[in-house]
Amino acid sequence: MIILAQEQSARQQAQIANRAKDEFLSNLSHELRNPLNAILGWAQLSRTRDFDSSTATRAWEVVERSAKVQAQLINDLLDVSRITSGKLHLNTRLIDLVSVVDVAIESVKLSADAKTIQIVSQLNSATVVGDFDRLQQVLWNLFSNAIKFTPIGGRVEISSKL
């Protein structure tokens, strides 16, 4: 009877671990896709359109920033052992929250424009302690999902109540 209970417990733990692994891989795929979409979007547009110099500069800034975010995500993946052991290092510092939001908006603007979705940002200046890249990841996810689930011609509003 004890052996049966142990086996059932071990099976249940294995199923929980398997679901956690699947969820992790799903989240990771989503995180890696966000910066890649911005890079591919600007690359495709640059092949089919002639940009003025300010638009070209903005496009290259988004591509570079997106590539850096994706490189950071890959580094995070390579450091999974640190995550699971609780030794993940956050680069915390004072951050202007508006600047993090603006960078995240810029990264999803191409997707919003493709669906003629208006992004309206009404933020009060706020300084927070956090990891700029991690906060940007979170906001990128939120904004990407907002655009994904907003109908064509819709509106995404971002506001703060700090």
Protein backbone atom coordinates (compact mmCIF):
# COMPACT_ATOMS: atom_id res chain seq x y z
CA MET A 1 0.00 0.00 0.00
CA ILE A 2 2.85 2.42 0.82
CA ILE A 3 4.59 1.69 -2.49
CA LEU A 4 1.38 2.41 -4.41
CA ALA A 5 0.94 5.75 -2.62
CA GLN A 6 4.58 6.67 -3.36
CA GLU A 7 4.15 5.77 -7.02
CA GLN A 8 0.97 7.83 -7.31
CA SER A 9 2.66 10.79 -5.63
CA ALA A 10 5.69 10.51 -7.93
CA ARG A 11 3.42 10.34 -11.00
CA GLN A 12 1.49 13.42 -9.86
CA GLN A 13 4.72 15.35 -9.28
CA ALA A 14 6.00 14.35 -12.73
CA GLN A 15 2.75 15.56 -14.33
CA ILE A 16 3.00 18.89 -12.50
CA ALA A 17 6.63 19.28 -13.59
CA ASN A 18 5.71 18.44 -17.17
CA ARG A 19 2.93 21.07 -17.20
CA ALA A 20 5.33 23.65 -15.71
CA LYS A 21 7.88 22.84 -18.44
CA ASP A 22 5.23 23.20 -21.16
CA GLU A 23 4.10 26.54 -19.72
CA PHE A 24 7.71 27.75 -19.50
CA LEU A 25 8.38 26.83 -23.14
CA SER A 26 5.16 28.51 -24.24
CA ASN A 27 6.06 31.71 -22.38
CA LEU A 28 9.61 31.62 -23.70
CA SER A 29 8.40 31.22 -27.29
CA HIS A 30 6.08 34.19 -26.81
CA GLU A 31 8.88 36.31 -25.32
CA LEU A 32 11.29 35.46 -28.16
CA ARG A 33 8.67 36.17 -30.80
CA ASN A 34 7.97 39.77 -29.67
CA PRO A 35 11.37 41.28 -30.53
CA LEU A 36 11.65 39.09 -33.61
CA ASN A 37 8.34 40.47 -34.93
CA ALA A 38 9.63 44.04 -34.62
CA ILE A 39 12.89 43.15 -36.37
CA LEU A 40 11.14 41.28 -39.20
CA GLY A 41 8.50 43.97 -39.59
CA TRP A 42 11.03 46.77 -40.07
CA ALA A 43 13.20 44.56 -42.30
CA GLN A 44 10.25 43.82 -44.59
CA LEU A 45 9.17 47.45 -44.69
CA SER A 46 12.70 48.63 -45.48
CA ARG A 47 12.77 46.34 -48.54
CA THR A 48 9.47 47.64 -49.91
CA ARG A 49 9.50 51.33 -49.00
CA ASP A 50 11.80 54.31 -49.19
CA PHE A 51 12.07 55.88 -45.74
CA ASP A 52 13.07 59.43 -45.00
CA SER A 53 16.16 59.68 -42.81
CA SER A 54 14.27 60.14 -39.52
CA THR A 55 12.07 57.08 -40.16
CA ALA A 56 15.11 55.03 -41.19
CA THR A 57 16.92 56.09 -38.01
CA ARG A 58 13.90 55.17 -35.91
CA ALA A 59 13.60 51.81 -37.68
CA TRP A 60 17.25 50.94 -37.01
CA GLU A 61 16.88 51.98 -33.37
CA VAL A 62 13.90 49.64 -32.97
CA VAL A 63 15.75 46.81 -34.74
CA GLU A 64 18.83 47.29 -32.56
CA ARG A 65 16.83 47.53 -29.35
CA SER A 66 14.78 44.46 -30.30
CA ALA A 67 17.91 42.46 -31.14
CA LYS A 68 19.40 43.41 -27.75
CA VAL A 69 16.22 42.32 -25.98
CA GLN A 70 16.24 39.03 -27.85
CA ALA A 71 19.91 38.49 -27.00
CA GLN A 72 19.08 39.13 -23.35
CA LEU A 73 16.25 36.61 -23.50
CA ILE A 74 18.58 34.02 -24.97
CA ASN A 75 21.14 34.76 -22.25
CA ASP A 76 18.38 34.31 -19.69
CA LEU A 77 17.50 30.97 -21.24
CA LEU A 78 21.13 29.90 -21.01
CA ASP A 79 21.07 30.89 -17.34
CA VAL A 80 18.05 28.74 -16.47
CA SER A 81 20.10 27.03 -13.79
CA ARG A 82 20.47 30.39 -12.01
CA ILE A 83 16.73 30.99 -12.26
CA THR A 84 15.80 27.62 -10.82
CA SER A 85 18.37 27.96 -8.04
CA GLY A 86 17.07 31.41 -7.07
CA LYS A 87 20.26 33.19 -8.10
CA LEU A 88 18.87 35.34 -10.91
CA HIS A 89 20.48 38.77 -10.88
CA LEU A 90 18.28 41.78 -11.50
CA ASN A 91 19.92 45.00 -12.62
CA THR A 92 17.84 47.26 -10.39
CA ARG A 93 18.19 51.01 -10.44
CA LEU A 94 16.09 54.13 -10.43
CA ILE A 95 14.08 54.19 -13.66
CA ASP A 96 11.77 56.74 -15.21
CA LEU A 97 8.71 54.59 -15.82
CA VAL A 98 7.60 56.79 -18.73
CA SER A 99 10.83 55.99 -20.61
CA VAL A 100 10.26 52.24 -20.19
CA VAL A 101 6.69 52.60 -21.47
CA ASP A 102 7.83 54.75 -24.42
CA VAL A 103 10.43 52.16 -25.47
CA ALA A 104 7.85 49.37 -25.25
CA ILE A 105 5.32 51.40 -27.26
CA GLU A 106 7.91 52.10 -29.94
CA SER A 107 8.60 48.38 -30.21
CA VAL A 108 4.94 47.50 -30.88
CA LYS A 109 4.03 50.56 -32.93
CA LEU A 110 4.54 48.76 -36.23
CA SER A 111 2.03 46.06 -35.21
CA ALA A 112 -0.44 48.72 -34.10
CA ASP A 113 -0.03 50.68 -37.35
CA ALA A 114 -0.61 47.50 -39.38
CA LYS A 115 -4.05 47.17 -37.71
CA THR A 116 -4.63 50.96 -37.67
CA ILE A 117 -4.78 50.82 -33.90
CA GLN A 118 -4.20 54.09 -32.11
CA ILE A 119 -1.94 53.95 -29.04
CA VAL A 120 -2.69 56.69 -26.54
CA SER A 121 -0.32 57.17 -23.63
CA GLN A 122 -1.26 59.44 -20.74
CA LEU A 123 1.39 58.92 -18.11
CA ASN A 124 2.46 60.89 -15.12
CA SER A 125 6.19 61.01 -14.54
CA ALA A 126 7.19 58.38 -12.00
CA THR A 127 10.51 57.06 -10.83
CA VAL A 128 10.59 53.44 -9.72
CA VAL A 129 13.28 50.99 -8.66
CA GLY A 130 13.44 48.11 -11.10
CA ASP A 131 15.21 46.30 -13.88
CA PHE A 132 14.66 48.30 -17.09
CA ASP A 133 14.92 45.28 -19.41
CA ARG A 134 12.57 43.11 -17.33
CA LEU A 135 9.99 45.90 -17.05
CA GLN A 136 10.24 46.45 -20.79
CA GLN A 137 9.62 42.72 -21.34
CA VAL A 138 6.50 42.83 -19.21
CA LEU A 139 5.17 45.93 -20.93
CA TRP A 140 6.01 44.54 -24.36
CA ASN A 141 3.93 41.49 -23.57
CA LEU A 142 1.02 43.55 -22.30
CA PHE A 143 1.07 45.91 -25.28
CA SER A 144 1.50 43.08 -27.79
CA ASN A 145 -1.48 41.27 -26.32
CA ALA A 146 -3.52 44.48 -26.26
CA ILE A 147 -2.82 45.01 -29.96
CA LYS A 148 -3.42 41.36 -30.77
CA PHE A 149 -6.87 41.39 -29.16
CA THR A 150 -7.93 44.91 -30.19
CA PRO A 151 -10.08 45.06 -33.32
CA ILE A 152 -8.77 46.78 -36.44
CA GLY A 153 -9.12 50.54 -36.11
CA GLY A 154 -9.32 50.28 -32.32
CA ARG A 155 -7.53 52.12 -29.59
CA VAL A 156 -5.12 51.04 -26.83
CA GLU A 157 -4.85 53.40 -23.88
CA ILE A 158 -2.00 53.47 -21.38
CA SER A 159 -2.35 55.53 -18.24
CA SER A 160 -0.87 55.66 -14.77
CA LYS A 161 -2.36 56.49 -11.43
CA LEU A 162 0.81 56.91 -9.39
